[in-house]
C-alpha cells in the first residue's frame, strides 16, 4: 500500500509540473466583400470549331496509320461539312477561307486516292491548315504543327 501511495504521489507531482502554454488570440483576417458577382457561362463550340476538333482527331489517327504503313481506309465524308458549318464569327467565312478549305479537302482526298504518296498529301493538308490559321485564328497552330509527318 505504501508503494501505491508513493506512486500516486509521484504521478500527481509530475503531472502538476507540466507547463501550460497560454493561448494567444489569433487576429482574424478580413476578407474583402465581393462587389460584383459573375455568373459562370458555359463555352459552347461553334459547328466549325467542333468539326475542326473532329478533323484533328481523325488526322492524328490517319498520321499513325500512314507512319505504320497500315491501310488508309475511306475519305471521311464529314470533312466536307467545312463548307457549310457555322463559324463563331461568320465574317471569317470569306474567299480566303473557302480557298484554303478547298486546298485542304483536295489534299485529304488525295491521301485516299494515292496512298503511295500519302505522307506528302497528308503534309500538304496540314500545310493548308497552317496557312489558313496563320491568317484567321492562330490559337491552334502549335497543335496543328504536331500533325506533320517527318
Protein backbone atom coordinates (compact mmCIF):
# COMPACT_ATOMS: atom_id res chain seq x y z
CA UNK A 1 0.00 0.00 0.00
CA UNK A 2 2.95 2.25 0.79
CA UNK A 3 4.19 1.85 -2.79
CA UNK A 4 0.77 2.63 -4.16
CA UNK A 5 0.58 5.98 -2.35
CA UNK A 6 4.17 6.80 -3.36
CA UNK A 7 3.41 6.04 -6.97
CA UNK A 8 0.18 8.08 -6.87
CA UNK A 9 2.03 10.98 -5.26
CA UNK A 10 4.74 10.79 -7.91
CA UNK A 11 2.19 10.83 -10.75
CA UNK A 12 0.43 13.82 -9.24
CA UNK A 13 3.71 15.62 -8.76
CA UNK A 14 4.85 15.02 -12.34
CA UNK A 15 1.52 15.97 -13.88
CA UNK A 16 1.41 19.22 -11.91
CA UNK A 17 4.84 20.18 -13.23
CA UNK A 18 3.70 20.36 -16.86
CA UNK A 19 3.92 23.92 -18.03
CA UNK A 20 0.75 25.00 -19.67
CA UNK A 21 1.07 27.31 -22.65
CA UNK A 22 -1.01 30.39 -22.82
CA UNK A 23 -3.21 30.58 -25.84
CA UNK A 24 -2.74 33.82 -27.68
CA UNK A 25 -5.70 35.26 -29.51
CA UNK A 26 -5.32 35.00 -33.26
CA UNK A 27 -6.23 38.07 -35.26
CA UNK A 28 -8.82 37.37 -37.89
CA UNK A 29 -8.00 38.38 -41.44
CA UNK A 30 -10.67 40.38 -43.06
CA UNK A 31 -11.84 39.11 -46.41
CA UNK A 32 -12.95 41.86 -48.77
CA UNK A 33 -16.58 41.64 -49.65
CA UNK A 34 -17.41 40.74 -53.23
CA UNK A 35 -18.58 43.76 -55.10
CA UNK A 36 -19.53 42.01 -58.32
CA UNK A 37 -20.79 38.53 -58.86
CA UNK A 38 -20.19 36.93 -62.22
CA UNK A 39 -22.25 34.08 -63.46
CA UNK A 40 -20.46 31.09 -64.84
CA UNK A 41 -21.01 30.85 -68.57
CA UNK A 42 -20.55 27.55 -70.33
CA UNK A 43 -18.46 27.81 -73.50
CA UNK A 44 -20.27 26.39 -76.47
CA UNK A 45 -18.29 25.46 -79.56
CA UNK A 46 -19.47 26.59 -82.94
CA UNK A 47 -20.18 23.92 -85.54
CA UNK A 48 -16.90 24.80 -87.26
CA UNK A 49 -14.86 24.55 -84.05
CA UNK A 50 -16.39 21.16 -83.27
CA UNK A 51 -15.74 19.97 -86.84
CA UNK A 52 -12.13 21.11 -86.69
CA UNK A 53 -11.64 19.29 -83.38
CA UNK A 54 -13.02 16.13 -85.00
CA UNK A 55 -10.81 16.60 -88.08
CA UNK A 56 -7.80 17.00 -85.81
CA UNK A 57 -8.54 13.70 -84.05
CA UNK A 58 -9.17 11.96 -87.38
CA UNK A 59 -5.87 13.27 -88.73
CA UNK A 60 -3.97 12.13 -85.65
CA UNK A 61 -5.27 8.62 -86.29
CA UNK A 62 -4.54 8.89 -90.01
CA UNK A 63 -1.00 10.06 -89.28
CA UNK A 64 -0.36 6.93 -87.20
CA UNK A 65 -1.79 4.68 -89.93
CA UNK A 66 0.43 6.32 -92.55
CA UNK A 67 3.53 6.08 -90.34
CA UNK A 68 2.83 2.41 -89.57
CA UNK A 69 2.11 1.54 -93.21
CA UNK A 70 -1.45 0.46 -92.36
CA UNK A 71 -4.37 0.66 -94.76
CA UNK A 72 -5.66 4.19 -95.13
CA UNK A 73 -9.37 3.46 -95.33
CA UNK A 74 -12.00 5.77 -96.82
CA UNK A 75 -12.17 9.54 -97.01
CA UNK A 76 -14.21 10.82 -94.05
CA UNK A 77 -17.23 12.49 -95.67
CA UNK A 78 -17.85 14.72 -92.65
CA UNK A 79 -14.77 16.73 -93.72
CA UNK A 80 -16.97 18.18 -96.47
CA UNK A 81 -19.02 19.93 -93.76
CA UNK A 82 -16.21 22.51 -93.67
CA UNK A 83 -18.02 24.36 -96.47
CA UNK A 84 -21.30 24.77 -94.62
CA UNK A 85 -20.60 24.61 -90.86
CA UNK A 86 -21.49 27.71 -88.86
CA UNK A 87 -18.46 29.61 -87.63
CA UNK A 88 -18.02 31.52 -84.40
CA UNK A 89 -17.63 34.68 -86.47
CA UNK A 90 -19.41 34.32 -89.82
CA UNK A 91 -17.35 37.17 -91.31
CA UNK A 92 -14.39 34.76 -91.25
CA UNK A 93 -16.11 32.61 -93.90
CA UNK A 94 -14.64 34.66 -96.73
CA UNK A 95 -12.96 33.87 -100.06
CA UNK A 96 -9.60 33.19 -98.39
CA UNK A 97 -11.13 30.63 -96.02
CA UNK A 98 -13.04 28.95 -98.83
CA UNK A 99 -9.90 28.67 -100.93
CA UNK A 100 -7.87 27.18 -98.04
CA UNK A 101 -10.70 24.80 -97.19
CA UNK A 102 -10.76 23.58 -100.78
CA UNK A 103 -6.96 23.05 -100.77
CA UNK A 104 -7.29 21.12 -97.51
CA UNK A 105 -10.14 18.91 -98.81
CA UNK A 106 -8.28 18.17 -102.07
CA UNK A 107 -5.13 17.22 -100.14
CA UNK A 108 -7.14 14.95 -97.87
CA UNK A 109 -8.87 13.26 -100.81
CA UNK A 110 -5.52 12.63 -102.48
CA UNK A 111 -4.34 10.69 -99.42
CA UNK A 112 -7.08 8.12 -100.04
CA UNK A 113 -6.79 8.17 -103.84
CA UNK A 114 -2.98 7.93 -103.96
CA UNK A 115 -1.86 6.02 -100.86
CA UNK A 116 1.69 5.58 -102.24
CA UNK A 117 2.24 9.32 -101.66
CA UNK A 118 0.01 9.58 -98.59
CA UNK A 119 2.72 11.25 -96.49
CA UNK A 120 3.20 14.10 -98.98
CA UNK A 121 -0.55 14.63 -99.41
CA UNK A 122 -1.07 14.50 -95.65
CA UNK A 123 1.62 17.11 -95.02
CA UNK A 124 0.11 19.29 -97.79
CA UNK A 125 -3.22 19.14 -95.96
CA UNK A 126 -1.53 20.13 -92.70
CA UNK A 127 0.18 23.00 -94.53
CA UNK A 128 -3.22 24.18 -95.78
CA UNK A 129 -4.48 24.21 -92.20
CA UNK A 130 -1.48 26.23 -91.09
CA UNK A 131 -1.78 28.71 -93.95
CA UNK A 132 -5.37 29.43 -93.02
CA UNK A 133 -4.79 29.57 -89.26
CA UNK A 134 -1.87 31.96 -89.66
CA UNK A 135 -4.35 34.45 -91.10
CA UNK A 136 -7.63 33.58 -89.37
CA UNK A 137 -7.09 32.07 -85.92
CA UNK A 138 -3.57 31.50 -84.61
CA UNK A 139 -4.58 29.62 -81.45
CA UNK A 140 -4.34 26.02 -82.68
CA UNK A 141 -1.11 26.48 -84.70
CA UNK A 142 1.13 24.62 -82.18
CA UNK A 143 -1.25 21.64 -82.21
CA UNK A 144 -1.50 21.63 -86.00
CA UNK A 145 2.30 21.63 -86.37
CA UNK A 146 2.43 18.40 -84.38
CA UNK A 147 0.47 16.67 -87.14
CA UNK A 148 3.30 16.86 -89.69
CA UNK A 149 4.85 13.52 -90.59
CA UNK A 150 8.62 13.79 -90.65
